[in-house]
Amino acid sequence: MLQPWRYAEARRQATFHGQVRILNVEMTERTPAQVRVDAEICRKFRGPESFRVGVIVSFAVSVLSGDERREIVPIGGTRWTNYGDLLRAKYLELFLDGEPPACQIALWQSAIISALTSQPTLDAGSSIQQPPRRMLEWFRWKKQ
């Protein structure tokens, strides 16, 4: 798990924010895994013209089976989605980068939703405070 402000920053900087109808979820026998999802854009909250309603997008979702007794969850910042829940889901709200049809979810910022909504259900990143400036400077220094 990463610091909450990193996920918030990914949501703020994502090219697209919207809701999609799931058309296909790639089958996998083993998890953890990355599965391809094909979906149709149904709601657009933010994004360029290429992300218009009706456009088909493809992206990978990081999945786990949900049976922790059989799985070792990899350490890191990945936010996992339950594979069974994804297979049953009809809609997702997500933040995407890339250019349709080939897209990527911005730092795993997606959620299964039960129905399309007229307003976003996920925060676009504005409610989570940035870390103190000195901390940001330290992270930039550490990357060098």
N, C-alpha and C. Protein backbone atom coordinates (compact mmCIF):
# COMPACT_ATOMS: atom_id res chain seq x y z
N MET A 1 0.85 -1.18 0.00
CA MET A 1 0.00 0.00 0.00
C MET A 1 0.89 1.24 0.00
N LEU A 2 0.57 2.15 -0.88
CA LEU A 2 1.29 3.42 -0.94
C LEU A 2 0.61 4.44 -0.04
N GLN A 3 1.25 5.57 0.13
CA GLN A 3 0.66 6.65 0.91
C GLN A 3 -0.60 7.13 0.19
N PRO A 4 -1.65 7.46 0.94
CA PRO A 4 -2.91 7.89 0.32
C PRO A 4 -2.74 9.05 -0.66
N TRP A 5 -1.85 9.96 -0.38
CA TRP A 5 -1.68 11.10 -1.28
C TRP A 5 -1.13 10.68 -2.64
N ARG A 6 -0.41 9.56 -2.72
CA ARG A 6 0.08 9.09 -4.02
C ARG A 6 -1.09 8.62 -4.90
N TYR A 7 -2.03 7.90 -4.30
CA TYR A 7 -3.21 7.48 -5.05
C TYR A 7 -4.05 8.70 -5.46
N ALA A 8 -4.18 9.66 -4.53
CA ALA A 8 -4.94 10.88 -4.84
C ALA A 8 -4.29 11.64 -5.99
N GLU A 9 -2.98 11.71 -5.98
CA GLU A 9 -2.25 12.40 -7.06
C GLU A 9 -2.48 11.69 -8.39
N ALA A 10 -2.50 10.36 -8.38
CA ALA A 10 -2.77 9.61 -9.61
C ALA A 10 -4.17 9.91 -10.13
N ARG A 11 -5.14 10.03 -9.23
CA ARG A 11 -6.50 10.37 -9.65
C ARG A 11 -6.55 11.78 -10.23
N ARG A 12 -5.88 12.71 -9.59
CA ARG A 12 -5.86 14.10 -10.07
C ARG A 12 -5.22 14.20 -11.46
N GLN A 13 -4.16 13.44 -11.69
CA GLN A 13 -3.41 13.55 -12.94
C GLN A 13 -3.91 12.63 -14.06
N ALA A 14 -4.84 11.73 -13.76
CA ALA A 14 -5.33 10.79 -14.78
C ALA A 14 -5.96 11.54 -15.95
N THR A 15 -5.80 10.99 -17.13
CA THR A 15 -6.36 11.59 -18.34
C THR A 15 -7.89 11.55 -18.34
N PHE A 16 -8.44 10.45 -17.84
CA PHE A 16 -9.89 10.21 -17.93
C PHE A 16 -10.42 9.76 -16.58
N HIS A 17 -11.62 10.22 -16.25
CA HIS A 17 -12.37 9.73 -15.09
C HIS A 17 -13.79 9.50 -15.56
N GLY A 18 -14.27 8.29 -15.36
CA GLY A 18 -15.62 7.99 -15.78
C GLY A 18 -16.09 6.63 -15.33
N GLN A 19 -17.21 6.21 -15.89
CA GLN A 19 -17.79 4.91 -15.57
C GLN A 19 -17.95 4.12 -16.87
N VAL A 20 -17.72 2.82 -16.76
CA VAL A 20 -17.76 1.95 -17.94
C VAL A 20 -18.65 0.74 -17.67
N ARG A 21 -19.20 0.21 -18.76
CA ARG A 21 -19.94 -1.05 -18.71
C ARG A 21 -18.98 -2.15 -19.15
N ILE A 22 -18.83 -3.17 -18.33
CA ILE A 22 -17.91 -4.27 -18.63
C ILE A 22 -18.49 -5.14 -19.74
N LEU A 23 -17.69 -5.35 -20.78
CA LEU A 23 -18.10 -6.20 -21.89
C LEU A 23 -17.47 -7.59 -21.79
N ASN A 24 -16.22 -7.65 -21.33
CA ASN A 24 -15.50 -8.92 -21.25
C ASN A 24 -14.41 -8.83 -20.19
N VAL A 25 -14.25 -9.90 -19.43
CA VAL A 25 -13.15 -10.04 -18.48
C VAL A 25 -12.38 -11.29 -18.86
N GLU A 26 -11.09 -11.13 -19.05
CA GLU A 26 -10.22 -12.25 -19.41
C GLU A 26 -10.26 -13.32 -18.32
N MET A 27 -10.31 -14.57 -18.74
CA MET A 27 -10.31 -15.68 -17.79
C MET A 27 -8.87 -16.00 -17.38
N THR A 28 -8.70 -16.37 -16.12
CA THR A 28 -7.39 -16.81 -15.63
C THR A 28 -7.61 -17.93 -14.63
N GLU A 29 -6.69 -18.88 -14.61
CA GLU A 29 -6.79 -19.99 -13.66
C GLU A 29 -6.03 -19.70 -12.39
N ARG A 30 -5.09 -18.75 -12.45
CA ARG A 30 -4.24 -18.48 -11.29
C ARG A 30 -4.30 -17.00 -10.93
N THR A 31 -4.31 -16.77 -9.66
CA THR A 31 -4.19 -15.40 -9.16
C THR A 31 -3.12 -15.41 -8.09
N PRO A 32 -2.47 -14.31 -7.80
CA PRO A 32 -2.69 -13.00 -8.34
C PRO A 32 -2.35 -12.92 -9.83
N ALA A 33 -3.05 -12.03 -10.52
CA ALA A 33 -2.85 -11.89 -11.96
C ALA A 33 -3.32 -10.52 -12.42
N GLN A 34 -2.93 -10.21 -13.64
CA GLN A 34 -3.44 -9.04 -14.35
C GLN A 34 -4.37 -9.60 -15.42
N VAL A 35 -5.64 -9.21 -15.41
CA VAL A 35 -6.58 -9.67 -16.43
C VAL A 35 -7.02 -8.50 -17.28
N ARG A 36 -7.18 -8.77 -18.55
CA ARG A 36 -7.64 -7.73 -19.48
C ARG A 36 -9.15 -7.59 -19.36
N VAL A 37 -9.59 -6.35 -19.35
CA VAL A 37 -11.02 -6.04 -19.33
C VAL A 37 -11.32 -5.15 -20.52
N ASP A 38 -12.37 -5.49 -21.25
CA ASP A 38 -12.88 -4.66 -22.34
C ASP A 38 -14.17 -4.03 -21.83
N ALA A 39 -14.31 -2.74 -22.06
CA ALA A 39 -15.48 -2.04 -21.52
C ALA A 39 -15.88 -0.89 -22.43
N GLU A 40 -17.13 -0.48 -22.29
CA GLU A 40 -17.67 0.65 -23.06
C GLU A 40 -17.85 1.84 -22.13
N ILE A 41 -17.35 2.99 -22.55
CA ILE A 41 -17.51 4.21 -21.74
C ILE A 41 -18.99 4.60 -21.73
N CYS A 42 -19.54 4.75 -20.52
CA CYS A 42 -20.95 5.13 -20.35
C CYS A 42 -21.13 6.50 -19.73
N ARG A 43 -20.21 6.89 -18.85
CA ARG A 43 -20.24 8.21 -18.21
C ARG A 43 -18.84 8.80 -18.26
N LYS A 44 -18.76 10.07 -18.60
CA LYS A 44 -17.48 10.77 -18.66
C LYS A 44 -17.55 11.97 -17.71
N PHE A 45 -16.68 11.95 -16.69
CA PHE A 45 -16.62 13.06 -15.75
C PHE A 45 -15.47 14.00 -16.09
N ARG A 46 -14.44 13.46 -16.74
CA ARG A 46 -13.29 14.28 -17.14
C ARG A 46 -12.52 13.52 -18.22
N GLY A 47 -12.01 14.26 -19.21
CA GLY A 47 -11.18 13.63 -20.22
C GLY A 47 -11.32 14.27 -21.58
N PRO A 48 -10.36 13.97 -22.46
CA PRO A 48 -10.39 14.53 -23.81
C PRO A 48 -11.47 13.88 -24.67
N GLU A 49 -11.66 14.42 -25.86
CA GLU A 49 -12.69 13.95 -26.79
C GLU A 49 -12.55 12.46 -27.13
N SER A 50 -11.33 11.95 -27.15
CA SER A 50 -11.12 10.53 -27.51
C SER A 50 -11.79 9.58 -26.52
N PHE A 51 -12.09 10.07 -25.31
CA PHE A 51 -12.78 9.28 -24.30
C PHE A 51 -14.25 9.67 -24.25
N ARG A 52 -14.96 9.49 -25.35
CA ARG A 52 -16.37 9.87 -25.38
C ARG A 52 -17.26 8.65 -25.10
N VAL A 53 -18.48 8.92 -24.72
CA VAL A 53 -19.45 7.86 -24.43
C VAL A 53 -19.60 6.98 -25.67
N GLY A 54 -19.58 5.67 -25.46
CA GLY A 54 -19.71 4.70 -26.54
C GLY A 54 -18.38 4.12 -27.01
N VAL A 55 -17.27 4.75 -26.67
CA VAL A 55 -15.94 4.27 -27.07
C VAL A 55 -15.60 3.02 -26.24
N ILE A 56 -14.98 2.04 -26.90
CA ILE A 56 -14.54 0.81 -26.23
C ILE A 56 -13.10 1.01 -25.77
N VAL A 57 -12.84 0.67 -24.51
CA VAL A 57 -11.49 0.75 -23.95
C VAL A 57 -11.10 -0.61 -23.39
N SER A 58 -9.79 -0.87 -23.37
CA SER A 58 -9.24 -2.10 -22.79
C SER A 58 -8.18 -1.70 -21.78
N PHE A 59 -8.12 -2.43 -20.68
CA PHE A 59 -7.16 -2.13 -19.62
C PHE A 59 -6.98 -3.38 -18.77
N ALA A 60 -5.93 -3.40 -17.98
CA ALA A 60 -5.65 -4.52 -17.08
C ALA A 60 -6.12 -4.20 -15.68
N VAL A 61 -6.66 -5.21 -15.00
CA VAL A 61 -7.06 -5.09 -13.60
C VAL A 61 -6.27 -6.13 -12.81
N SER A 62 -5.69 -5.71 -11.70
CA SER A 62 -4.94 -6.62 -10.82
C SER A 62 -5.94 -7.36 -9.94
N VAL A 63 -5.94 -8.69 -10.03
CA VAL A 63 -6.94 -9.48 -9.31
C VAL A 63 -6.32 -10.53 -8.39
N LEU A 64 -7.07 -10.80 -7.33
CA LEU A 64 -6.80 -11.90 -6.39
C LEU A 64 -8.06 -12.73 -6.31
N SER A 65 -7.93 -13.99 -5.92
CA SER A 65 -9.11 -14.85 -5.82
C SER A 65 -9.96 -14.53 -4.61
N GLY A 66 -9.37 -13.93 -3.61
CA GLY A 66 -10.12 -13.67 -2.38
C GLY A 66 -9.93 -14.76 -1.35
N ASP A 67 -9.25 -15.84 -1.72
CA ASP A 67 -8.98 -16.92 -0.78
C ASP A 67 -7.54 -16.79 -0.29
N GLU A 68 -7.37 -16.02 0.79
CA GLU A 68 -6.03 -15.73 1.29
C GLU A 68 -5.30 -16.98 1.77
N ARG A 69 -6.03 -18.05 2.04
CA ARG A 69 -5.37 -19.29 2.46
C ARG A 69 -4.60 -19.91 1.31
N ARG A 70 -5.02 -19.65 0.07
CA ARG A 70 -4.36 -20.23 -1.10
C ARG A 70 -3.39 -19.27 -1.75
N GLU A 71 -3.46 -18.00 -1.39
CA GLU A 71 -2.68 -16.99 -2.09
C GLU A 71 -1.71 -16.27 -1.18
N ILE A 72 -0.59 -15.96 -1.73
CA ILE A 72 0.34 -15.07 -1.05
C ILE A 72 0.21 -13.73 -1.76
N VAL A 73 -0.21 -12.73 -1.02
CA VAL A 73 -0.42 -11.41 -1.60
C VAL A 73 0.93 -10.72 -1.75
N PRO A 74 1.29 -10.36 -2.98
CA PRO A 74 2.57 -9.67 -3.18
C PRO A 74 2.61 -8.34 -2.43
N ILE A 75 3.76 -8.03 -1.89
CA ILE A 75 3.94 -6.77 -1.17
C ILE A 75 4.10 -5.65 -2.19
N GLY A 76 3.53 -4.51 -1.91
CA GLY A 76 3.68 -3.36 -2.80
C GLY A 76 2.45 -2.48 -2.77
N GLY A 77 2.40 -1.57 -3.71
CA GLY A 77 1.33 -0.59 -3.76
C GLY A 77 0.08 -1.01 -4.50
N THR A 78 0.07 -2.23 -5.04
CA THR A 78 -1.08 -2.69 -5.83
C THR A 78 -2.34 -2.73 -4.99
N ARG A 79 -3.41 -2.19 -5.55
CA ARG A 79 -4.73 -2.29 -4.92
C ARG A 79 -5.48 -3.37 -5.69
N TRP A 80 -5.66 -4.51 -5.04
CA TRP A 80 -6.20 -5.70 -5.68
C TRP A 80 -7.72 -5.67 -5.74
N THR A 81 -8.26 -6.27 -6.80
CA THR A 81 -9.70 -6.44 -6.98
C THR A 81 -10.01 -7.92 -6.86
N ASN A 82 -11.09 -8.26 -6.18
CA ASN A 82 -11.50 -9.65 -6.05
C ASN A 82 -11.93 -10.15 -7.43
N TYR A 83 -11.30 -11.22 -7.89
CA TYR A 83 -11.55 -11.73 -9.24
C TYR A 83 -13.00 -12.17 -9.43
N GLY A 84 -13.56 -12.88 -8.47
CA GLY A 84 -14.96 -13.31 -8.57
C GLY A 84 -15.91 -12.13 -8.66
N ASP A 85 -15.65 -11.10 -7.86
CA ASP A 85 -16.49 -9.89 -7.91
C ASP A 85 -16.38 -9.22 -9.27
N LEU A 86 -15.16 -9.18 -9.83
CA LEU A 86 -14.97 -8.57 -11.15
C LEU A 86 -15.72 -9.35 -12.23
N LEU A 87 -15.69 -10.68 -12.15
CA LEU A 87 -16.40 -11.50 -13.14
C LEU A 87 -17.90 -11.26 -13.09
N ARG A 88 -18.45 -10.98 -11.90
CA ARG A 88 -19.89 -10.74 -11.75
C ARG A 88 -20.28 -9.29 -12.01
N ALA A 89 -19.32 -8.38 -11.99
CA ALA A 89 -19.61 -6.95 -12.08
C ALA A 89 -20.12 -6.55 -13.46
N LYS A 90 -20.94 -5.52 -13.46
CA LYS A 90 -21.44 -4.95 -14.72
C LYS A 90 -20.78 -3.61 -15.01
N TYR A 91 -20.40 -2.88 -13.94
CA TYR A 91 -19.87 -1.52 -14.12
C TYR A 91 -18.66 -1.28 -13.24
N LEU A 92 -17.80 -0.39 -13.73
CA LEU A 92 -16.65 0.10 -12.97
C LEU A 92 -16.61 1.61 -13.07
N GLU A 93 -16.15 2.24 -12.01
CA GLU A 93 -15.76 3.64 -12.09
C GLU A 93 -14.24 3.63 -12.00
N LEU A 94 -13.58 4.42 -12.86
CA LEU A 94 -12.13 4.34 -12.90
C LEU A 94 -11.48 5.61 -13.41
N PHE A 95 -10.17 5.64 -13.21
CA PHE A 95 -9.31 6.72 -13.71
C PHE A 95 -8.34 6.06 -14.68
N LEU A 96 -8.34 6.52 -15.93
CA LEU A 96 -7.52 5.90 -16.96
C LEU A 96 -6.50 6.87 -17.53
N ASP A 97 -5.40 6.30 -17.98
CA ASP A 97 -4.41 6.99 -18.78
C ASP A 97 -4.28 6.22 -20.09
N GLY A 98 -3.62 6.81 -21.07
CA GLY A 98 -3.46 6.16 -22.36
C GLY A 98 -4.38 6.79 -23.39
N GLU A 99 -4.54 6.08 -24.49
CA GLU A 99 -5.37 6.54 -25.60
C GLU A 99 -6.23 5.37 -26.05
N PRO A 100 -7.57 5.54 -26.08
CA PRO A 100 -8.43 4.42 -26.48
C PRO A 100 -8.01 3.83 -27.82
N PRO A 101 -8.07 2.52 -27.97
CA PRO A 101 -8.66 1.58 -27.01
C PRO A 101 -7.69 1.09 -25.93
N ALA A 102 -6.38 1.28 -26.10
CA ALA A 102 -5.40 0.75 -25.15
C ALA A 102 -5.16 1.73 -24.01
N CYS A 103 -5.62 1.37 -22.82
CA CYS A 103 -5.52 2.27 -21.67
C CYS A 103 -4.91 1.53 -20.48
N GLN A 104 -4.58 2.30 -19.45
CA GLN A 104 -4.08 1.74 -18.20
C GLN A 104 -4.83 2.44 -17.07
N ILE A 105 -5.17 1.68 -16.03
CA ILE A 105 -5.78 2.28 -14.85
C ILE A 105 -4.68 3.03 -14.09
N ALA A 106 -4.95 4.26 -13.73
CA ALA A 106 -3.98 5.09 -13.01
C ALA A 106 -3.81 4.56 -11.59
N LEU A 107 -2.67 3.97 -11.31
CA LEU A 107 -2.32 3.43 -9.98
C LEU A 107 -3.46 2.64 -9.34
N TRP A 108 -4.09 1.76 -10.09
CA TRP A 108 -5.15 0.87 -9.59
C TRP A 108 -6.35 1.61 -9.05
N GLN A 109 -6.63 2.80 -9.57
CA GLN A 109 -7.73 3.61 -9.06
C GLN A 109 -9.02 3.28 -9.82
N SER A 110 -9.66 2.21 -9.36
CA SER A 110 -10.93 1.78 -9.94
C SER A 110 -11.77 1.14 -8.84
N ALA A 111 -13.06 1.06 -9.08
CA ALA A 111 -13.97 0.43 -8.12
C ALA A 111 -15.15 -0.16 -8.87
N ILE A 112 -15.58 -1.32 -8.41
CA ILE A 112 -16.81 -1.91 -8.94
C ILE A 112 -17.98 -1.10 -8.39
N ILE A 113 -18.91 -0.76 -9.27
CA ILE A 113 -20.12 -0.05 -8.85
C ILE A 113 -21.33 -0.85 -9.29
N SER A 114 -22.42 -0.75 -8.53
CA SER A 114 -23.60 -1.57 -8.82
C SER A 114 -24.44 -1.00 -9.96
N ALA A 115 -24.33 0.31 -10.18
CA ALA A 115 -25.11 0.95 -11.25
C ALA A 115 -24.40 2.23 -11.67
N LEU A 116 -24.71 2.68 -12.88
CA LEU A 116 -24.17 3.96 -13.33
C LEU A 116 -24.80 5.08 -12.52
N THR A 117 -24.03 6.14 -12.29
CA THR A 117 -24.52 7.27 -11.52
C THR A 117 -24.28 8.56 -12.31
N SER A 118 -25.05 9.59 -12.02
CA SER A 118 -24.86 10.85 -12.73
C SER A 118 -23.69 11.65 -12.18
N GLN A 119 -23.31 11.36 -10.94
CA GLN A 119 -22.17 12.02 -10.30
C GLN A 119 -21.12 10.96 -9.94
N PRO A 120 -19.85 11.35 -9.87
CA PRO A 120 -18.80 10.39 -9.50
C PRO A 120 -19.04 9.80 -8.11
N THR A 121 -18.67 8.55 -7.94
CA THR A 121 -18.70 7.93 -6.61
C THR A 121 -17.30 7.90 -6.00
N LEU A 122 -16.27 8.05 -6.83
CA LEU A 122 -14.88 8.10 -6.35
C LEU A 122 -14.40 9.54 -6.31
N ASP A 123 -13.68 9.87 -5.27
CA ASP A 123 -13.11 11.21 -5.12
C ASP A 123 -12.04 11.40 -6.19
N ALA A 124 -12.07 12.54 -6.83
CA ALA A 124 -11.10 12.82 -7.89
C ALA A 124 -9.73 13.21 -7.36
N GLY A 125 -9.52 13.08 -6.05
CA GLY A 125 -8.21 13.32 -5.48
C GLY A 125 -8.08 14.64 -4.77
N SER A 126 -9.13 15.44 -4.76
CA SER A 126 -9.02 16.78 -4.17
C SER A 126 -9.16 16.78 -2.66
N SER A 127 -9.74 15.73 -2.07
CA SER A 127 -9.99 15.75 -0.63
C SER A 127 -8.81 15.25 0.20
N ILE A 128 -7.83 14.66 -0.44
CA ILE A 128 -6.68 14.16 0.30
C ILE A 128 -5.57 15.18 0.21
N GLN A 129 -5.09 15.59 1.36
CA GLN A 129 -4.07 16.61 1.41
C GLN A 129 -2.73 16.10 0.91
N GLN A 130 -2.01 16.99 0.26
CA GLN A 130 -0.64 16.70 -0.15
C GLN A 130 0.23 16.57 1.09
N PRO A 131 1.31 15.82 1.01
CA PRO A 131 2.23 15.75 2.14
C PRO A 131 2.95 17.09 2.29
N PRO A 132 3.55 17.32 3.43
CA PRO A 132 4.31 18.55 3.61
C PRO A 132 5.38 18.71 2.54
N ARG A 133 5.66 19.96 2.17
CA ARG A 133 6.62 20.25 1.10
C ARG A 133 7.98 19.61 1.38
N ARG A 134 8.43 19.63 2.63
CA ARG A 134 9.73 19.04 2.96
C ARG A 134 9.74 17.54 2.66
N MET A 135 8.61 16.86 2.89
CA MET A 135 8.54 15.43 2.59
C MET A 135 8.65 15.20 1.08
N LEU A 136 7.96 16.03 0.30
CA LEU A 136 8.05 15.91 -1.16
C LEU A 136 9.48 16.13 -1.63
N GLU A 137 10.14 17.12 -1.06
CA GLU A 137 11.54 17.37 -1.43
C GLU A 137 12.41 16.17 -1.10
N TRP A 138 12.17 15.53 0.02
CA TRP A 138 12.95 14.34 0.41
C TRP A 138 12.73 13.22 -0.60
N PHE A 139 11.45 12.98 -1.01
CA PHE A 139 11.15 11.93 -1.99
C PHE A 139 11.83 12.20 -3.33
N ARG A 140 11.83 13.46 -3.75
CA ARG A 140 12.50 13.82 -5.00
C ARG A 140 14.00 13.58 -4.89
N TRP A 141 14.58 13.95 -3.75
CA TRP A 141 16.01 13.74 -3.51
C TRP A 141 16.31 12.23 -3.51
N LYS A 142 15.47 11.44 -2.88
CA LYS A 142 15.67 9.98 -2.76
C LYS A 142 15.65 9.30 -4.13
N LYS A 143 14.83 9.81 -5.05
CA LYS A 143 14.75 9.23 -6.41
C LYS A 143 16.04 9.41 -7.21
N GLN A 144 16.81 10.43 -6.89
CA GLN A 144 18.03 10.73 -7.66
C GLN A 144 19.12 9.74 -7.41
